[in-house]
């Protein structure tokens, strides 16, 4: 054990030290890890107090320290960080099994950090993720996404998108889940970028929806 000097001007060992035999500089020793002492004039290691469960005491501790969140303290001698992919939101964990795998939509990077929700443009579909995956092309991922969501036809999304962008006027996509728009053929028309149609189709839709959809007319 580490040896410590006497308290200045006092013939007794300083906190958190105990003395073996006479109180002199050669007999003052620290309470070992897993124990603490908050009184002076201790004379034996038996006077060092065992650290309570759910706490830890380093060598020469004067009081227990509660095991912090995202850590566990199996032997009351030290705290150990929860492994990557797990976390513990409370305090006083005593074993590795107290560290719980992160839920889908979250990730746990370890290093004593709590579970973190996946940011926009990413997702996590499994328990115990250490990072969130980037949303693939043609899909979008909102805050805390568990799975990517498919972009509709005539909308696009690049990798890592948090939403789908409509094709600009005069362009279209061949189907859902696209990452780029294409120019409409010169013989066709595009209405607000949602689709391409022939002049005949455009006129026919206008006549059949004139009374039923003011929204459609506004797009014309």
C-alpha atoms as a PDB file:
ATOM      1  CA  UNK A   1       0.000   0.000   0.000  1.00  0.00           C
ATOM      2  CA  UNK A   2       1.020   3.618  -0.497  1.00  0.00           C
ATOM      3  CA  UNK A   3       2.610   5.232   2.564  1.00  0.00           C
ATOM      4  CA  UNK A   4       1.648   8.716   3.740  1.00  0.00           C
ATOM      5  CA  UNK A   5       3.176  11.186   6.262  1.00  0.00           C
ATOM      6  CA  UNK A   6       1.586  12.229   9.535  1.00  0.00           C
ATOM      7  CA  UNK A   7      -0.737  15.189   9.698  1.00  0.00           C
ATOM      8  CA  UNK A   8       1.377  18.306  10.350  1.00  0.00           C
ATOM      9  CA  UNK A   9       1.665  18.956  14.065  1.00  0.00           C
ATOM     10  CA  UNK A  10      -0.529  15.991  14.981  1.00  0.00           C
ATOM     11  CA  UNK A  11       0.730  12.586  15.970  1.00  0.00           C
ATOM     12  CA  UNK A  12      -1.875  10.656  13.984  1.00  0.00           C
ATOM     13  CA  UNK A  13      -2.258   9.601  10.376  1.00  0.00           C
ATOM     14  CA  UNK A  14      -4.182  11.845   7.961  1.00  0.00           C
ATOM     15  CA  UNK A  15      -7.376  10.883   6.162  1.00  0.00           C
ATOM     16  CA  UNK A  16      -7.953   8.330   4.743  1.00  0.00           C
ATOM     17  CA  UNK A  17      -4.964   6.627   6.335  1.00  0.00           C
ATOM     18  CA  UNK A  18      -4.621   4.064   9.066  1.00  0.00           C
ATOM     19  CA  UNK A  19      -1.512   3.356  11.135  1.00  0.00           C
ATOM     20  CA  UNK A  20      -0.025   0.006  11.992  1.00  0.00           C
ATOM     21  CA  UNK A  21       1.715  -0.064  15.347  1.00  0.00           C
ATOM     22  CA  UNK A  22       2.888   3.362  16.459  1.00  0.00           C
ATOM     23  CA  UNK A  23       1.761   6.424  14.487  1.00  0.00           C
ATOM     24  CA  UNK A  24       4.904   7.352  12.665  1.00  0.00           C
ATOM     25  CA  UNK A  25       5.757   8.120   9.080  1.00  0.00           C
ATOM     26  CA  UNK A  26       6.739   4.524   8.349  1.00  0.00           C
ATOM     27  CA  UNK A  27       3.432   3.063   9.538  1.00  0.00           C
ATOM     28  CA  UNK A  28       0.831   5.278   7.810  1.00  0.00           C
ATOM     29  CA  UNK A  29      -0.893   3.399   4.963  1.00  0.00           C
ATOM     30  CA  UNK A  30      -3.785   4.175   2.630  1.00  0.00           C
ATOM     31  CA  UNK A  31      -7.057   2.271   2.725  1.00  0.00           C
ATOM     32  CA  UNK A  32      -6.969  -0.001  -0.348  1.00  0.00           C
ATOM     33  CA  UNK A  33      -9.291   0.219  -3.331  1.00  0.00           C
ATOM     34  CA  UNK A  34     -12.732  -1.055  -2.427  1.00  0.00           C
ATOM     35  CA  UNK A  35     -12.573   0.585   1.012  1.00  0.00           C
ATOM     36  CA  UNK A  36     -12.780   4.110   2.434  1.00  0.00           C
ATOM     37  CA  UNK A  37     -12.148   5.894   5.704  1.00  0.00           C
ATOM     38  CA  UNK A  38     -13.599   9.192   6.900  1.00  0.00           C
ATOM     39  CA  UNK A  39     -12.019   9.317  10.352  1.00  0.00           C
ATOM     40  CA  UNK A  40      -8.510   9.880  11.675  1.00  0.00           C
ATOM     41  CA  UNK A  41      -6.607   7.766  14.195  1.00  0.00           C
ATOM     42  CA  UNK A  42      -7.384   4.485  12.509  1.00  0.00           C
ATOM     43  CA  UNK A  43      -5.083   1.737  13.685  1.00  0.00           C
ATOM     44  CA  UNK A  44      -5.867  -1.199  11.404  1.00  0.00           C
ATOM     45  CA  UNK A  45      -6.963  -2.024   7.884  1.00  0.00           C
ATOM     46  CA  UNK A  46     -10.014  -3.482   9.570  1.00  0.00           C
ATOM     47  CA  UNK A  47     -10.974   0.094  10.391  1.00  0.00           C
ATOM     48  CA  UNK A  48     -11.307   0.851   6.657  1.00  0.00           C
ATOM     49  CA  UNK A  49     -14.989   0.630   5.634  1.00  0.00           C
ATOM     50  CA  UNK A  50     -16.014  -1.582   2.679  1.00  0.00           C
ATOM     51  CA  UNK A  51     -17.390   0.396  -0.257  1.00  0.00           C
ATOM     52  CA  UNK A  52     -21.149  -0.198  -0.602  1.00  0.00           C
ATOM     53  CA  UNK A  53     -22.673  -2.035  -3.559  1.00  0.00           C
ATOM     54  CA  UNK A  54     -23.331   0.248  -6.524  1.00  0.00           C
ATOM     55  CA  UNK A  55     -20.434   2.528  -5.616  1.00  0.00           C
ATOM     56  CA  UNK A  56     -16.659   2.458  -6.032  1.00  0.00           C
ATOM     57  CA  UNK A  57     -13.749   3.513  -3.866  1.00  0.00           C
ATOM     58  CA  UNK A  58     -10.290   4.101  -5.250  1.00  0.00           C
ATOM     59  CA  UNK A  59      -7.257   3.744  -3.027  1.00  0.00           C
ATOM     60  CA  UNK A  60      -7.214   6.338  -0.218  1.00  0.00           C
ATOM     61  CA  UNK A  61     -10.889   7.289  -0.697  1.00  0.00           C
ATOM     62  CA  UNK A  62     -12.565   9.275   2.081  1.00  0.00           C
ATOM     63  CA  UNK A  63     -16.084   8.436   0.865  1.00  0.00           C
ATOM     64  CA  UNK A  64     -17.795   6.160  -1.676  1.00  0.00           C
ATOM     65  CA  UNK A  65     -18.576   7.451  -5.181  1.00  0.00           C
ATOM     66  CA  UNK A  66     -21.836   6.289  -6.716  1.00  0.00           C
ATOM     67  CA  UNK A  67     -21.311   4.387  -9.964  1.00  0.00           C
ATOM     68  CA  UNK A  68     -22.227   6.927 -12.685  1.00  0.00           C
ATOM     69  CA  UNK A  69     -24.635   6.431 -15.562  1.00  0.00           C
ATOM     70  CA  UNK A  70     -23.379   4.386 -18.519  1.00  0.00           C
ATOM     71  CA  UNK A  71     -20.896   2.647 -16.202  1.00  0.00           C
ATOM     72  CA  UNK A  72     -20.953  -0.398 -13.962  1.00  0.00           C
ATOM     73  CA  UNK A  73     -18.936  -1.175 -10.827  1.00  0.00           C
ATOM     74  CA  UNK A  74     -18.550  -4.943 -10.365  1.00  0.00           C
ATOM     75  CA  UNK A  75     -16.134  -5.028  -7.424  1.00  0.00           C
ATOM     76  CA  UNK A  76     -16.540  -1.583  -5.800  1.00  0.00           C
ATOM     77  CA  UNK A  77     -12.906  -0.813  -6.692  1.00  0.00           C
ATOM     78  CA  UNK A  78     -13.418   1.077  -9.954  1.00  0.00           C
ATOM     79  CA  UNK A  79     -16.008   2.082 -12.545  1.00  0.00           C
ATOM     80  CA  UNK A  80     -16.074   0.506 -16.017  1.00  0.00           C
ATOM     81  CA  UNK A  81     -17.758   2.110 -19.031  1.00  0.00           C
ATOM     82  CA  UNK A  82     -20.608   0.221 -20.687  1.00  0.00           C
ATOM     83  CA  UNK A  83     -19.444  -1.406 -23.937  1.00  0.00           C
ATOM     84  CA  UNK A  84     -20.104   0.178 -27.321  1.00  0.00           C
ATOM     85  CA  UNK A  85     -23.702  -0.449 -28.392  1.00  0.00           C
ATOM     86  CA  UNK A  86     -25.033  -0.392 -24.810  1.00  0.00           C
ATOM     87  CA  UNK A  87     -25.905   2.165 -22.151  1.00  0.00           C
ATOM     88  CA  UNK A  88     -27.362   2.475 -18.660  1.00  0.00           C
ATOM     89  CA  UNK A  89     -29.432   5.575 -17.943  1.00  0.00           C
ATOM     90  CA  UNK A  90     -29.468   5.205 -14.154  1.00  0.00           C
ATOM     91  CA  UNK A  91     -26.693   5.107 -11.578  1.00  0.00           C
ATOM     92  CA  UNK A  92     -25.367   2.409  -9.279  1.00  0.00           C
ATOM     93  CA  UNK A  93     -25.017  -0.434 -11.818  1.00  0.00           C
ATOM     94  CA  UNK A  94     -23.096  -3.396 -10.426  1.00  0.00           C
ATOM     95  CA  UNK A  95     -22.664  -5.756 -13.385  1.00  0.00           C
ATOM     96  CA  UNK A  96     -22.160  -5.810 -17.140  1.00  0.00           C
ATOM     97  CA  UNK A  97     -25.693  -7.102 -17.714  1.00  0.00           C
ATOM     98  CA  UNK A  98     -27.020  -3.788 -16.376  1.00  0.00           C
ATOM     99  CA  UNK A  99     -25.769  -2.189 -19.607  1.00  0.00           C
ATOM    100  CA  UNK A 100     -28.660  -2.487 -22.084  1.00  0.00           C
ATOM    101  CA  UNK A 101     -28.424  -2.602 -25.871  1.00  0.00           C
ATOM    102  CA  UNK A 102     -29.554   0.570 -27.631  1.00  0.00           C
ATOM    103  CA  UNK A 103     -33.043   0.463 -29.149  1.00  0.00           C
ATOM    104  CA  UNK A 104     -33.623   0.818 -32.928  1.00  0.00           C
ATOM    105  CA  UNK A 105     -33.557   4.474 -33.933  1.00  0.00           C
ATOM    106  CA  UNK A 106     -30.713   5.117 -31.468  1.00  0.00           C
ATOM    107  CA  UNK A 107     -26.992   4.414 -31.246  1.00  0.00           C
ATOM    108  CA  UNK A 108     -24.560   3.993 -28.349  1.00  0.00           C
ATOM    109  CA  UNK A 109     -20.976   5.027 -29.016  1.00  0.00           C
ATOM    110  CA  UNK A 110     -19.630   3.964 -25.610  1.00  0.00           C
ATOM    111  CA  UNK A 111     -17.109   6.161 -23.782  1.00  0.00           C
ATOM    112  CA  UNK A 112     -19.630   6.764 -21.017  1.00  0.00           C
ATOM    113  CA  UNK A 113     -22.219   8.409 -23.281  1.00  0.00           C
ATOM    114  CA  UNK A 114     -25.967   7.766 -23.129  1.00  0.00           C
ATOM    115  CA  UNK A 115     -28.019   6.442 -26.050  1.00  0.00           C
ATOM    116  CA  UNK A 116     -28.262   9.063 -28.811  1.00  0.00           C
ATOM    117  CA  UNK A 117     -31.178   9.313 -31.252  1.00  0.00           C
ATOM    118  CA  UNK A 118     -30.234   8.946 -34.920  1.00  0.00           C
ATOM    119  CA  UNK A 119     -29.991  12.350 -36.631  1.00  0.00           C
ATOM    120  CA  UNK A 120     -31.955  13.310 -39.735  1.00  0.00           C
ATOM    121  CA  UNK A 121     -30.670  11.509 -42.831  1.00  0.00           C
ATOM    122  CA  UNK A 122     -29.652   8.376 -40.904  1.00  0.00           C
ATOM    123  CA  UNK A 123     -31.361   5.310 -39.433  1.00  0.00           C
ATOM    124  CA  UNK A 124     -30.737   2.329 -37.150  1.00  0.00           C
ATOM    125  CA  UNK A 125     -32.839  -0.807 -37.550  1.00  0.00           C
ATOM    126  CA  UNK A 126     -31.192  -3.072 -34.969  1.00  0.00           C
ATOM    127  CA  UNK A 127     -30.606  -3.289 -31.247  1.00  0.00           C
ATOM    128  CA  UNK A 128     -27.142  -2.423 -29.974  1.00  0.00           C
ATOM    129  CA  UNK A 129     -26.032  -0.165 -32.835  1.00  0.00           C
ATOM    130  CA  UNK A 130     -22.790   1.726 -32.309  1.00  0.00           C
ATOM    131  CA  UNK A 131     -23.503   4.148 -35.193  1.00  0.00           C
ATOM    132  CA  UNK A 132     -26.444   5.087 -37.405  1.00  0.00           C
ATOM    133  CA  UNK A 133     -26.415   4.170 -41.098  1.00  0.00           C
ATOM    134  CA  UNK A 134     -26.722   6.792 -43.801  1.00  0.00           C
ATOM    135  CA  UNK A 135     -30.048   6.837 -45.648  1.00  0.00           C
ATOM    136  CA  UNK A 136     -29.610   5.317 -49.150  1.00  0.00           C
ATOM    137  CA  UNK A 137     -30.381   7.071 -52.431  1.00  0.00           C
ATOM    138  CA  UNK A 138     -34.068   7.248 -53.290  1.00  0.00           C
ATOM    139  CA  UNK A 139     -35.072   7.093 -49.621  1.00  0.00           C
ATOM    140  CA  UNK A 140     -35.419   9.577 -46.782  1.00  0.00           C
ATOM    141  CA  UNK A 141     -34.873   9.226 -43.036  1.00  0.00           C
ATOM    142  CA  UNK A 142     -36.463  11.459 -40.457  1.00  0.00           C
ATOM    143  CA  UNK A 143     -35.210  12.108 -36.910  1.00  0.00           C
ATOM    144  CA  UNK A 144     -34.861   8.791 -35.056  1.00  0.00           C
ATOM    145  CA  UNK A 145     -35.652   6.677 -38.127  1.00  0.00           C
ATOM    146  CA  UNK A 146     -35.702   2.892 -37.745  1.00  0.00           C
ATOM    147  CA  UNK A 147     -36.009   2.166 -41.479  1.00  0.00           C
ATOM    148  CA  UNK A 148     -35.532   4.319 -44.606  1.00  0.00           C
ATOM    149  CA  UNK A 149     -38.761   5.442 -46.284  1.00  0.00           C
ATOM    150  CA  UNK A 150     -39.178   5.220 -50.064  1.00  0.00           C
ATOM    151  CA  UNK A 151     -39.547   8.441 -52.035  1.00  0.00           C
ATOM    152  CA  UNK A 152     -42.628   8.608 -54.258  1.00  0.00           C
ATOM    153  CA  UNK A 153     -42.524   8.715 -58.038  1.00  0.00           C
ATOM    154  CA  UNK A 154     -41.368  12.062 -59.440  1.00  0.00           C
ATOM    155  CA  UNK A 155     -39.517  12.928 -56.245  1.00  0.00           C
ATOM    156  CA  UNK A 156     -35.844  12.258 -55.555  1.00  0.00           C
ATOM    157  CA  UNK A 157     -33.416  11.926 -52.680  1.00  0.00           C
ATOM    158  CA  UNK A 158     -29.648  11.657 -52.589  1.00  0.00           C
ATOM    159  CA  UNK A 159     -27.778   9.608 -49.993  1.00  0.00           C
ATOM    160  CA  UNK A 160     -28.254  10.875 -46.455  1.00  0.00           C
ATOM    161  CA  UNK A 161     -31.467  12.810 -47.177  1.00  0.00           C
ATOM    162  CA  UNK A 162     -34.041  13.745 -44.581  1.00  0.00           C
ATOM    163  CA  UNK A 163     -36.795  14.299 -47.152  1.00  0.00           C
ATOM    164  CA  UNK A 164     -37.754  13.890 -50.808  1.00  0.00           C
ATOM    165  CA  UNK A 165     -37.474  16.738 -53.330  1.00  0.00           C
ATOM    166  CA  UNK A 166     -40.040  17.058 -56.170  1.00  0.00           C
ATOM    167  CA  UNK A 167     -38.655  17.051 -59.673  1.00  0.00           C
ATOM    168  CA  UNK A 168     -38.528  20.539 -61.173  1.00  0.00           C
ATOM    169  CA  UNK A 169     -40.959  21.530 -63.913  1.00  0.00           C
ATOM    170  CA  UNK A 170     -40.250  19.680 -67.141  1.00  0.00           C
ATOM    171  CA  UNK A 171     -38.693  16.646 -65.466  1.00  0.00           C
ATOM    172  CA  UNK A 172     -39.842  13.260 -64.131  1.00  0.00           C
ATOM    173  CA  UNK A 173     -38.682   9.931 -62.685  1.00  0.00           C
ATOM    174  CA  UNK A 174     -39.358   6.437 -63.994  1.00  0.00           C
ATOM    175  CA  UNK A 175     -40.682   5.265 -60.638  1.00  0.00           C
ATOM    176  CA  UNK A 176     -40.355   5.620 -56.867  1.00  0.00           C
ATOM    177  CA  UNK A 177     -36.998   5.482 -55.079  1.00  0.00           C
ATOM    178  CA  UNK A 178     -35.016   7.551 -57.577  1.00  0.00           C
ATOM    179  CA  UNK A 179     -32.063   9.840 -56.944  1.00  0.00           C
ATOM    180  CA  UNK A 180     -32.215  11.904 -60.164  1.00  0.00           C
ATOM    181  CA  UNK A 181     -34.881  13.418 -62.406  1.00  0.00           C
ATOM    182  CA  UNK A 182     -34.980  13.146 -66.222  1.00  0.00           C
ATOM    183  CA  UNK A 183     -36.039  15.689 -68.827  1.00  0.00           C
ATOM    184  CA  UNK A 184     -39.517  15.200 -70.284  1.00  0.00           C
ATOM    185  CA  UNK A 185     -39.583  14.380 -74.037  1.00  0.00           C
ATOM    186  CA  UNK A 186     -40.191  17.465 -76.149  1.00  0.00           C
ATOM    187  CA  UNK A 187     -43.580  16.118 -77.279  1.00  0.00           C
ATOM    188  CA  UNK A 188     -44.818  15.840 -73.710  1.00  0.00           C
ATOM    189  CA  UNK A 189     -45.718  18.299 -70.997  1.00  0.00           C
ATOM    190  CA  UNK A 190     -44.842  18.441 -67.296  1.00  0.00           C
ATOM    191  CA  UNK A 191     -47.214  19.887 -64.706  1.00  0.00           C
ATOM    192  CA  UNK A 192     -45.330  21.188 -61.669  1.00  0.00           C
ATOM    193  CA  UNK A 193     -42.730  18.497 -62.246  1.00  0.00           C
ATOM    194  CA  UNK A 194     -44.981  15.636 -61.165  1.00  0.00           C
ATOM    195  CA  UNK A 195     -45.331  13.832 -64.478  1.00  0.00           C
ATOM    196  CA  UNK A 196     -45.060  14.094 -68.236  1.00  0.00           C
ATOM    197  CA  UNK A 197     -48.054  13.721 -70.544  1.00  0.00           C
ATOM    198  CA  UNK A 198     -49.036  14.275 -74.162  1.00  0.00           C
ATOM    199  CA  UNK A 199     -51.122  17.256 -75.158  1.00  0.00           C
ATOM    200  CA  UNK A 200     -54.115  14.943 -75.707  1.00  0.00           C
ATOM    201  CA  UNK A 201     -53.803  13.563 -72.165  1.00  0.00           C
ATOM    202  CA  UNK A 202     -53.479  17.070 -70.772  1.00  0.00           C
ATOM    203  CA  UNK A 203     -56.638  18.315 -72.487  1.00  0.00           C
ATOM    204  CA  UNK A 204     -58.554  15.164 -71.597  1.00  0.00           C
ATOM    205  CA  UNK A 205     -57.661  15.452 -67.901  1.00  0.00           C
ATOM    206  CA  UNK A 206     -58.652  19.111 -67.916  1.00  0.00           C
ATOM    207  CA  UNK A 207     -62.108  18.382 -69.297  1.00  0.00           C
ATOM    208  CA  UNK A 208     -62.835  15.472 -66.938  1.00  0.00           C
ATOM    209  CA  UNK A 209     -61.577  17.203 -63.783  1.00  0.00           C
ATOM    210  CA  UNK A 210     -62.742  20.728 -64.408  1.00  0.00           C
ATOM    211  CA  UNK A 211     -65.501  20.552 -61.811  1.00  0.00           C
ATOM    212  CA  UNK A 212     -63.937  18.098 -59.378  1.00  0.00           C
ATOM    213  CA  UNK A 213     -60.452  19.440 -58.682  1.00  0.00           C
ATOM    214  CA  UNK A 214     -59.581  23.104 -58.391  1.00  0.00           C
ATOM    215  CA  UNK A 215     -56.134  21.934 -57.330  1.00  0.00           C
ATOM    216  CA  UNK A 216     -55.705  20.270 -60.685  1.00  0.00           C
ATOM    217  CA  UNK A 217     -56.739  23.428 -62.527  1.00  0.00           C
ATOM    218  CA  UNK A 218     -54.206  25.429 -60.539  1.00  0.00           C
ATOM    219  CA  UNK A 219     -51.533  23.057 -61.754  1.00  0.00           C
ATOM    220  CA  UNK A 220     -52.481  23.675 -65.357  1.00  0.00           C
END
